[in-house]
Amino acid sequence: MKLSNFNFELPEELLAEYPAEHRDESKLMVVHRETGKIEHKMFKDLINYFDEGDVMVLNNTKVFPARLYGNKEKTGARIEVFLLRELNEEQRLWDVLVDPARKIRIGNKLYFGDDETLVAEVIDNTTSRGRTLRFLYDGSYLDFRRKLRDLGETPLPKYIKREVEENDEERYQTIYAKHEGAVAAPTAGLHFSKHLLKRLEIKGVDFAELTLHVGLGTFNPVEVEDLSKHKMDSEELIIDEKATEVVNNAKTNKRKVCAVGTTAMRGLESAVSSNQTLNTYEGWTNKFIFPPYDFSIANCMITNFHLPKSTLMMMVSAFAGHDLMKKAYKEAILESYKFYSYGDAMLII
């Protein structure tokens, strides 16, 4: 499979700027892998495709307000700083992206907030846009993290051209988010409302949770035609014993195991034992799934509609089958489905 196999024309108006008014009332395309049948539903109709004993695997990572704006010392130039990951708690070292990067060199200081009580010094260049910052702050670590949260804003994807609004803080987060550490939401999970989760629970559907802290690497463009040469950034993954028990039990009983989102799917596929069951896991994964690929754990998945040539689209293609995915995406465009983070959903069964 080549990169060019995943290109298509996406009309700009189909990129979702806002989520659906109610989480579970976005559109849902249901794609049947064996028959190739495609149905058009609403997300809350999902319940009709699951029965008692089926399992949904949720990624319970929580998005933190990763985008900050600071001013460069002397010139006062406004600089965007996107927090990627904490490197050292004690020294307050962070991996970040800066924009415009050409203005930011080692030794520069950046000042944040009206009172400028938070300062960062650039101590390393990591990539063309990447820097390592040391934050200088008079206060405890807890106060420092509180300050970052106060100054940061919800890290909506760049394609959303509008300003971040108050509502985004709640909507760009799943309702089951627990463990802070992601810089992007696991977007398939954004469609679940409390009401829908309760209805699924009453029906006897089980839930297993894993934590995969989504980094920006998930959205890095693939720049090589030969997909086997693309390297994913590593992301932190935790799968506990409780989750493995629920998933393996469903597998043994030949139930549906549904990965909610590409991140949940990647997490599952990063922790497969030699006898095709799920292992506990605590570490990092840079798993990149593209066709052809044999999936070991999940036999259905929920996902959003992804951008052309994205690694997310490649995984969906591997799961649904390339021709069926192309057909589904063509239909999604004809039926004006919304794409990307705040867009509509697809259930592949």
Protein backbone atom coordinates (compact mmCIF):
# COMPACT_ATOMS: atom_id res chain seq x y z
CA MET A 1 0.00 0.00 0.00
CA LYS A 2 1.26 3.42 -0.96
CA LEU A 3 0.52 6.86 0.46
CA SER A 4 -1.22 7.89 -2.76
CA ASN A 5 -3.85 5.15 -2.19
CA PHE A 6 -5.22 7.27 0.66
CA ASN A 7 -5.73 10.55 -1.12
CA PHE A 8 -9.18 11.94 -1.94
CA GLU A 9 -10.86 15.29 -2.51
CA LEU A 10 -12.47 16.52 0.69
CA PRO A 11 -14.74 19.58 0.31
CA GLU A 12 -13.69 22.18 2.87
CA GLU A 13 -17.24 22.71 4.13
CA LEU A 14 -17.29 19.11 5.43
CA LEU A 15 -14.58 19.83 8.01
CA ALA A 16 -16.55 20.21 11.25
CA GLU A 17 -15.99 23.54 12.99
CA TYR A 18 -18.43 22.68 15.80
CA PRO A 19 -19.72 19.42 17.30
CA ALA A 20 -23.35 18.30 16.94
CA GLU A 21 -25.68 20.05 19.39
CA HIS A 22 -26.12 16.82 21.39
CA ARG A 23 -23.22 14.37 21.65
CA ASP A 24 -25.18 11.26 20.66
CA GLU A 25 -27.08 12.94 17.81
CA SER A 26 -24.26 13.18 15.32
CA LYS A 27 -24.69 11.06 12.20
CA LEU A 28 -23.54 7.44 12.26
CA MET A 29 -22.60 5.42 9.21
CA VAL A 30 -22.77 1.67 9.84
CA VAL A 31 -20.46 -0.34 7.59
CA HIS A 32 -20.86 -4.13 7.43
CA ARG A 33 -17.55 -5.72 6.53
CA GLU A 34 -18.86 -9.05 5.28
CA THR A 35 -21.69 -7.85 3.06
CA GLY A 36 -20.41 -4.37 2.18
CA LYS A 37 -23.79 -2.95 3.23
CA ILE A 38 -23.81 0.68 4.40
CA GLU A 39 -26.53 2.17 6.63
CA HIS A 40 -27.17 5.76 7.71
CA LYS A 41 -28.22 6.22 11.34
CA MET A 42 -27.79 8.52 14.33
CA PHE A 43 -25.10 7.82 16.88
CA LYS A 44 -27.60 6.87 19.59
CA ASP A 45 -28.85 4.04 17.30
CA LEU A 46 -25.53 2.35 18.09
CA ILE A 47 -27.27 0.51 20.92
CA ASN A 48 -29.17 -1.63 18.39
CA TYR A 49 -25.94 -3.25 17.19
CA PHE A 50 -24.76 -4.52 20.59
CA ASP A 51 -26.02 -7.19 22.99
CA GLU A 52 -25.43 -8.41 26.51
CA GLY A 53 -21.84 -9.55 27.02
CA ASP A 54 -20.40 -7.44 24.20
CA VAL A 55 -17.55 -5.15 25.23
CA MET A 56 -16.64 -1.59 24.31
CA VAL A 57 -13.03 -0.56 24.88
CA LEU A 58 -12.73 3.12 25.83
CA ASN A 59 -9.63 5.31 25.96
CA ASN A 60 -10.02 7.26 29.21
CA THR A 61 -7.20 9.74 28.61
CA LYS A 62 -7.98 13.36 29.45
CA VAL A 63 -6.99 16.34 27.30
CA PHE A 64 -5.12 19.09 29.10
CA PRO A 65 -5.15 22.74 27.96
CA ALA A 66 -1.93 22.39 26.02
CA ARG A 67 -1.85 25.61 23.99
CA LEU A 68 -0.26 28.68 25.63
CA TYR A 69 0.56 32.13 24.31
CA GLY A 70 3.62 33.96 25.55
CA ASN A 71 5.76 36.95 24.64
CA LYS A 72 9.40 36.86 23.71
CA GLU A 73 11.75 38.91 25.90
CA LYS A 74 12.95 42.22 24.44
CA THR A 75 10.90 42.09 21.21
CA GLY A 76 7.57 41.21 22.88
CA ALA A 77 6.67 39.06 19.84
CA ARG A 78 3.64 36.82 20.49
CA ILE A 79 4.65 33.15 20.46
CA GLU A 80 2.39 30.11 20.54
CA VAL A 81 3.71 27.28 22.72
CA PHE A 82 2.10 23.86 22.40
CA LEU A 83 2.93 21.57 25.33
CA LEU A 84 3.65 18.04 24.13
CA ARG A 85 4.95 16.19 27.17
CA GLU A 86 6.58 16.72 30.52
CA LEU A 87 10.18 15.48 30.54
CA ASN A 88 11.18 16.17 34.14
CA GLU A 89 8.81 17.13 36.94
CA GLU A 90 11.51 18.41 39.29
CA GLN A 91 13.26 20.63 36.73
CA ARG A 92 9.98 21.55 35.02
CA LEU A 93 11.29 20.54 31.61
CA TRP A 94 8.81 20.16 28.76
CA ASP A 95 8.88 19.12 25.12
CA VAL A 96 6.95 21.75 23.16
CA LEU A 97 6.24 23.05 19.68
CA VAL A 98 6.66 26.77 19.06
CA ASP A 99 5.20 29.00 16.38
CA PRO A 100 6.71 31.00 14.69
CA ALA A 101 9.71 28.73 15.29
CA ARG A 102 12.27 30.80 13.39
CA LYS A 103 12.16 33.46 16.12
CA ILE A 104 12.85 31.09 19.00
CA ARG A 105 16.45 30.14 19.74
CA ILE A 106 18.29 28.48 22.59
CA GLY A 107 18.69 30.94 25.46
CA ASN A 108 15.54 32.96 24.62
CA LYS A 109 13.08 33.62 27.43
CA LEU A 110 9.30 33.63 27.05
CA TYR A 111 6.89 35.35 29.45
CA PHE A 112 3.33 34.12 30.05
CA GLY A 113 0.25 35.78 31.55
CA ASP A 114 -0.49 39.43 32.24
CA ASP A 115 1.57 39.36 35.43
CA GLU A 116 4.43 37.43 33.73
CA THR A 117 4.88 35.25 36.82
CA LEU A 118 5.50 32.24 34.57
CA VAL A 119 8.71 32.35 32.53
CA ALA A 120 10.26 29.71 30.27
CA GLU A 121 13.78 29.45 28.96
CA VAL A 122 14.57 27.62 25.70
CA ILE A 123 17.29 25.07 26.45
CA ASP A 124 17.29 22.87 23.34
CA ASN A 125 16.13 22.53 19.72
CA THR A 126 14.55 19.13 19.09
CA THR A 127 13.05 19.48 15.59
CA SER A 128 12.36 22.39 13.22
CA ARG A 129 9.41 23.46 15.41
CA GLY A 130 10.25 21.49 18.54
CA ARG A 131 12.00 22.95 21.58
CA THR A 132 12.75 21.91 25.15
CA LEU A 133 11.67 24.54 27.67
CA ARG A 134 12.58 24.92 31.31
CA PHE A 135 9.76 26.68 33.17
CA LEU A 136 10.74 29.08 35.94
CA TYR A 137 8.05 29.60 38.54
CA ASP A 138 8.13 30.60 42.20
CA GLY A 139 5.79 28.12 43.80
CA SER A 140 5.14 24.43 44.42
CA TYR A 141 4.78 21.90 41.61
CA LEU A 142 1.01 21.82 42.19
CA ASP A 143 0.83 25.60 41.89
CA PHE A 144 2.91 25.42 38.73
CA ARG A 145 0.56 22.86 37.13
CA ARG A 146 -2.43 24.97 38.19
CA LYS A 147 -0.80 27.99 36.53
CA LEU A 148 -0.28 26.04 33.29
CA ARG A 149 -3.93 25.01 33.36
CA ASP A 150 -5.11 28.56 34.00
CA LEU A 151 -3.03 30.00 31.17
CA GLY A 152 -3.57 27.17 28.68
CA GLU A 153 -6.47 26.83 26.27
CA THR A 154 -8.23 23.78 24.82
CA PRO A 155 -5.95 22.47 22.04
CA LEU A 156 -8.46 22.40 19.19
CA PRO A 157 -6.94 21.13 15.93
CA LYS A 158 -5.43 23.83 13.71
CA TYR A 159 -7.93 23.31 10.87
CA ILE A 160 -10.63 24.82 13.13
CA LYS A 161 -10.13 28.44 12.22
CA ARG A 162 -12.37 30.01 14.87
CA GLU A 163 -11.31 31.09 18.35
CA VAL A 164 -11.65 28.58 21.17
CA GLU A 165 -14.99 29.05 22.93
CA GLU A 166 -16.06 28.27 26.49
CA ASN A 167 -18.07 25.26 25.35
CA ASP A 168 -14.97 23.62 23.82
CA GLU A 169 -13.51 22.89 27.24
CA GLU A 170 -16.33 20.44 27.87
CA ARG A 171 -17.03 19.21 24.32
CA TYR A 172 -13.42 18.49 23.31
CA GLN A 173 -13.29 15.90 26.11
CA THR A 174 -14.99 12.53 26.47
CA ILE A 175 -17.43 12.25 29.37
CA TYR A 176 -15.38 9.31 30.71
CA ALA A 177 -12.01 11.12 30.60
CA LYS A 178 -10.02 10.37 33.78
CA HIS A 179 -6.24 10.52 33.40
CA GLU A 180 -4.76 13.78 32.16
CA GLY A 181 -2.03 13.55 29.56
CA ALA A 182 -3.42 13.89 26.02
CA VAL A 183 -2.90 16.89 23.73
CA ALA A 184 -5.72 15.75 21.42
CA ALA A 185 -9.03 14.09 22.21
CA PRO A 186 -9.74 10.45 21.33
CA THR A 187 -12.50 11.78 19.11
CA ALA A 188 -14.65 8.67 18.52
CA GLY A 189 -15.49 8.81 22.23
CA LEU A 190 -16.83 12.38 22.00
CA HIS A 191 -20.15 11.02 20.70
CA PHE A 192 -21.04 9.16 23.90
CA SER A 193 -23.50 10.88 26.22
CA LYS A 194 -24.15 9.85 29.84
CA HIS A 195 -27.61 8.72 28.76
CA LEU A 196 -26.31 6.47 25.97
CA LEU A 197 -23.65 4.90 28.22
CA LYS A 198 -26.35 4.17 30.80
CA ARG A 199 -28.62 2.58 28.20
CA LEU A 200 -25.75 0.38 26.96
CA GLU A 201 -24.99 -0.62 30.55
CA ILE A 202 -28.64 -1.54 31.19
CA LYS A 203 -28.58 -3.67 28.03
CA GLY A 204 -25.65 -5.62 29.51
CA VAL A 205 -22.81 -4.21 27.41
CA ASP A 206 -19.52 -4.26 29.35
CA PHE A 207 -16.83 -1.59 29.24
CA ALA A 208 -13.07 -1.95 29.43
CA GLU A 209 -10.87 1.11 29.82
CA LEU A 210 -7.31 1.69 28.73
CA THR A 211 -5.28 4.89 28.79
CA LEU A 212 -3.39 6.00 25.70
CA HIS A 213 -2.22 9.60 25.98
CA VAL A 214 -2.75 10.93 22.47
CA GLY A 215 0.18 13.01 21.21
CA LEU A 216 0.42 15.11 18.09
CA GLY A 217 2.34 12.28 16.39
CA THR A 218 -1.03 10.68 15.63
CA PHE A 219 -1.71 13.59 13.27
CA ASN A 220 1.78 14.02 11.81
CA PRO A 221 1.60 13.95 8.03
CA VAL A 222 2.99 10.87 6.33
CA GLU A 223 5.71 12.10 4.00
CA VAL A 224 6.90 8.84 2.46
CA GLU A 225 5.17 7.01 -0.39
CA ASP A 226 6.27 3.65 1.06
CA LEU A 227 4.22 3.36 4.27
CA SER A 228 6.61 0.86 5.85
CA LYS A 229 9.13 3.70 6.14
CA HIS A 230 6.85 5.97 8.23
CA LYS A 231 7.65 6.17 11.95
CA MET A 232 4.97 7.04 14.51
CA ASP A 233 5.85 9.07 17.61
CA SER A 234 5.67 7.08 20.84
CA GLU A 235 2.68 7.59 23.11
CA GLU A 236 2.19 6.40 26.68
CA LEU A 237 -0.10 3.39 27.13
CA ILE A 238 -1.54 1.72 30.23
CA ILE A 239 -3.77 -1.39 30.19
CA ASP A 240 -4.62 -2.84 33.60
CA GLU A 241 -5.65 -6.32 34.68
CA LYS A 242 -9.33 -5.45 34.96
CA ALA A 243 -9.45 -4.38 31.29
CA THR A 244 -7.61 -7.50 30.08
CA GLU A 245 -10.03 -9.71 32.04
CA VAL A 246 -13.13 -8.08 30.54
CA VAL A 247 -11.74 -8.18 26.98
CA ASN A 248 -10.36 -11.74 27.12
CA ASN A 249 -13.58 -13.01 28.66
CA ALA A 250 -15.59 -11.51 25.77
CA LYS A 251 -13.17 -13.06 23.26
CA THR A 252 -13.51 -16.47 24.86
CA ASN A 253 -17.30 -16.17 24.67
CA LYS A 254 -17.16 -15.05 21.03
CA ARG A 255 -18.76 -11.67 21.83
CA LYS A 256 -18.20 -8.36 20.07
CA VAL A 257 -15.10 -6.47 21.23
CA CYS A 258 -15.48 -2.93 19.93
CA ALA A 259 -12.56 -0.51 19.96
CA VAL A 260 -13.91 3.01 20.47
CA GLY A 261 -11.52 4.98 18.29
CA THR A 262 -8.22 4.43 16.53
CA THR A 263 -6.30 5.12 19.76
CA ALA A 264 -8.15 2.34 21.63
CA MET A 265 -7.48 0.02 18.68
CA ARG A 266 -3.80 0.91 18.63
CA GLY A 267 -3.60 0.35 22.36
CA LEU A 268 -5.16 -3.11 22.07
CA GLU A 269 -2.91 -4.14 19.20
CA SER A 270 0.18 -3.01 21.14
CA ALA A 271 -0.46 -5.55 23.91
CA VAL A 272 -1.27 -8.84 22.17
CA SER A 273 0.05 -12.10 23.68
CA SER A 274 1.41 -14.97 21.58
CA ASN A 275 -1.95 -16.76 21.89
CA GLN A 276 -3.88 -13.72 20.61
CA THR A 277 -5.24 -12.53 23.97
CA LEU A 278 -4.79 -9.12 25.58
CA ASN A 279 -1.91 -8.55 27.99
CA THR A 280 -1.57 -5.90 30.67
CA TYR A 281 0.78 -3.13 29.54
CA GLU A 282 2.54 -0.12 30.96
CA GLY A 283 4.94 1.72 28.71
CA TRP A 284 5.08 3.38 25.31
CA THR A 285 3.79 2.41 21.90
CA ASN A 286 4.61 3.64 18.40
CA LYS A 287 2.42 1.07 16.67
CA PHE A 288 1.51 2.07 13.11
CA ILE A 289 -1.29 0.04 11.53
CA PHE A 290 -1.81 0.11 7.77
CA PRO A 291 -3.04 -2.46 5.22
CA PRO A 292 -2.58 -5.38 5.08
CA TYR A 293 -2.87 -6.09 8.81
CA ASP A 294 -4.42 -8.91 10.88
CA PHE A 295 -6.23 -7.60 13.94
CA SER A 296 -6.02 -9.80 17.04
CA ILE A 297 -8.37 -8.35 19.63
CA ALA A 298 -11.25 -6.13 18.42
CA ASN A 299 -13.75 -7.36 15.85
CA CYS A 300 -15.58 -4.04 15.44
CA MET A 301 -14.68 -0.39 15.82
CA ILE A 302 -16.15 3.10 16.13
CA THR A 303 -14.25 5.92 14.48
CA ASN A 304 -14.69 9.39 13.00
CA PHE A 305 -14.11 10.34 9.37
CA HIS A 306 -10.46 11.16 8.86
CA LEU A 307 -8.41 13.43 6.66
CA PRO A 308 -6.84 12.27 3.38
CA LYS A 309 -3.46 10.52 3.73
CA SER A 310 -3.72 10.36 7.55
CA THR A 311 -2.44 7.41 9.61
CA LEU A 312 -5.95 7.21 11.11
CA MET A 313 -7.51 6.63 7.73
CA MET A 314 -4.88 3.95 7.00
CA MET A 315 -5.88 2.03 10.12
CA VAL A 316 -9.57 2.21 9.21
CA SER A 317 -8.68 0.94 5.74
CA ALA A 318 -6.78 -1.99 7.26
CA PHE A 319 -9.81 -2.86 9.40
CA ALA A 320 -12.68 -2.33 6.95
CA GLY A 321 -10.87 -3.36 3.78
CA HIS A 322 -9.49 -0.73 1.43
CA ASP A 323 -12.17 -0.89 -1.28
CA LEU A 324 -15.03 -0.84 1.22
CA MET A 325 -13.49 2.11 3.04
CA LYS A 326 -13.14 4.04 -0.23
CA LYS A 327 -16.79 3.31 -1.00
CA ALA A 328 -17.85 4.43 2.50
CA TYR A 329 -15.88 7.68 2.29
CA LYS A 330 -17.30 8.43 -1.14
CA GLU A 331 -20.81 7.95 0.27
CA ALA A 332 -19.96 10.07 3.34
CA ILE A 333 -19.03 12.98 1.07
CA LEU A 334 -22.21 12.55 -1.01
CA GLU A 335 -24.33 12.47 2.18
CA SER A 336 -22.52 15.49 3.68
CA TYR A 337 -21.10 13.71 6.71
CA LYS A 338 -18.85 15.96 8.77
CA PHE A 339 -15.17 15.02 8.98
CA TYR A 340 -12.46 15.05 11.63
CA SER A 341 -12.45 15.77 15.38
CA TYR A 342 -15.89 17.35 15.79
CA GLY A 343 -17.36 15.38 12.89
CA ASP A 344 -19.67 12.40 12.50
CA ALA A 345 -18.99 8.75 13.29
CA MET A 346 -18.67 5.37 11.61
CA LEU A 347 -19.33 1.95 13.13
CA ILE A 348 -17.51 -0.88 11.35
CA ILE A 349 -18.92 -4.32 12.20
